[in-house]
Amino acid sequence: MITVQAEYTARFKEITQIASETIQLEQPHMAELAQILTTKYGERMEALLIDPKTQDLNTNGTLFVDSTGRRLFIDDTLADGETVSFMVGIAGG
């Protein structure tokens, strides 16, 4: 079992009503974190988090990064103590 810190901004923060939370995962995978969050926060979180066509993390206007700034995908492995930031992308870059 590992523990990760989830940090929410913008629309993610609106859905969760919190800026961050600590989550325990049985398996150290982004897929499990996504499952926990969609179960906990419902359809609005799932619509924002998961691409319905691919069942991967949504890349349309959203961004999920680890504490080193690396973009995360559904099959990525997370480290114990990792911080995952859930953000809405902005135009430009």
Protein backbone atom coordinates (compact mmCIF):
# COMPACT_ATOMS: atom_id res chain seq x y z
CA MET A 1 0.00 0.00 0.00
CA ILE A 2 1.20 3.52 -0.81
CA THR A 3 0.04 7.01 0.03
CA VAL A 4 -0.21 9.82 -2.54
CA GLN A 5 -1.18 13.45 -2.21
CA ALA A 6 -3.76 14.71 -4.73
CA GLU A 7 -3.76 18.46 -5.37
CA TYR A 8 -6.72 20.06 -7.15
CA THR A 9 -7.02 23.34 -9.03
CA ALA A 10 -9.73 25.02 -11.08
CA ARG A 11 -12.58 22.70 -12.07
CA PHE A 12 -11.14 19.78 -10.07
CA LYS A 13 -11.20 21.94 -6.95
CA GLU A 14 -14.81 22.94 -7.68
CA ILE A 15 -15.82 19.28 -7.85
CA THR A 16 -13.92 18.11 -4.77
CA GLN A 17 -14.49 21.27 -2.70
CA ILE A 18 -10.94 20.88 -1.33
CA ALA A 19 -7.45 21.91 -2.46
CA SER A 20 -5.77 18.60 -1.63
CA GLU A 21 -6.17 15.26 0.07
CA THR A 22 -4.14 12.20 0.97
CA ILE A 23 -5.21 8.94 -0.65
CA GLN A 24 -4.04 5.39 0.04
CA LEU A 25 -3.66 3.03 -2.90
CA GLU A 26 -3.49 -0.75 -2.76
CA GLN A 27 -1.53 -0.75 -6.02
CA PRO A 28 0.80 2.11 -7.02
CA HIS A 29 -0.96 2.90 -10.29
CA MET A 30 -2.56 6.04 -11.70
CA ALA A 31 -5.47 3.85 -12.84
CA GLU A 32 -6.32 3.03 -9.22
CA LEU A 33 -6.11 6.69 -8.20
CA ALA A 34 -8.45 7.60 -11.07
CA GLN A 35 -10.88 4.86 -10.01
CA ILE A 36 -10.92 6.05 -6.40
CA LEU A 37 -11.53 9.65 -7.43
CA THR A 38 -14.32 8.85 -9.88
CA THR A 39 -16.02 6.63 -7.30
CA LYS A 40 -15.69 9.27 -4.57
CA TYR A 41 -16.67 12.34 -6.62
CA GLY A 42 -19.03 10.85 -9.19
CA GLU A 43 -19.97 11.58 -12.78
CA ARG A 44 -18.66 15.14 -12.89
CA MET A 45 -15.19 13.95 -11.86
CA GLU A 46 -15.31 11.03 -14.28
CA ALA A 47 -16.32 13.33 -17.17
CA LEU A 48 -13.37 15.61 -16.44
CA LEU A 49 -10.84 12.88 -15.62
CA ILE A 50 -11.52 10.08 -18.12
CA ASP A 51 -11.77 10.23 -21.92
CA PRO A 52 -14.90 8.19 -22.77
CA LYS A 53 -13.47 7.12 -26.14
CA THR A 54 -10.14 5.78 -24.92
CA GLN A 55 -10.78 5.18 -21.19
CA ASP A 56 -7.41 6.87 -20.65
CA LEU A 57 -6.90 10.10 -18.74
CA ASN A 58 -8.54 12.98 -20.56
CA THR A 59 -6.00 15.07 -22.46
CA ASN A 60 -8.51 17.60 -23.77
CA GLY A 61 -7.95 20.65 -21.61
CA THR A 62 -6.70 18.78 -18.56
CA LEU A 63 -3.25 17.98 -17.22
CA PHE A 64 -2.09 15.51 -14.59
CA VAL A 65 1.50 15.81 -13.39
CA ASP A 66 3.67 14.28 -10.70
CA SER A 67 5.90 16.22 -8.32
CA THR A 68 8.69 16.38 -10.92
CA GLY A 69 6.38 17.93 -13.53
CA ARG A 70 6.12 14.73 -15.57
CA ARG A 71 2.76 14.31 -17.33
CA LEU A 72 0.91 11.23 -16.08
CA PHE A 73 -1.05 8.65 -18.03
CA ILE A 74 -3.49 5.96 -16.86
CA ASP A 75 -0.89 3.15 -16.92
CA ASP A 76 1.81 5.06 -15.01
CA THR A 77 3.16 3.82 -11.69
CA LEU A 78 3.18 6.17 -8.70
CA ALA A 79 5.74 6.30 -5.90
CA ASP A 80 4.91 6.29 -2.21
CA GLY A 81 4.61 9.90 -1.06
CA GLU A 82 4.06 11.17 -4.63
CA THR A 83 2.08 14.36 -5.23
CA VAL A 84 -0.25 14.32 -8.23
CA SER A 85 -1.60 17.66 -9.44
CA PHE A 86 -4.92 17.79 -11.28
CA MET A 87 -5.09 20.91 -13.44
CA VAL A 88 -7.10 22.41 -16.25
CA GLY A 89 -4.82 23.40 -19.13
CA ILE A 90 -4.81 26.91 -20.51
CA ALA A 91 -4.28 28.00 -24.10
CA GLY A 92 -0.82 28.82 -25.26
CA GLY A 93 2.22 27.17 -23.83
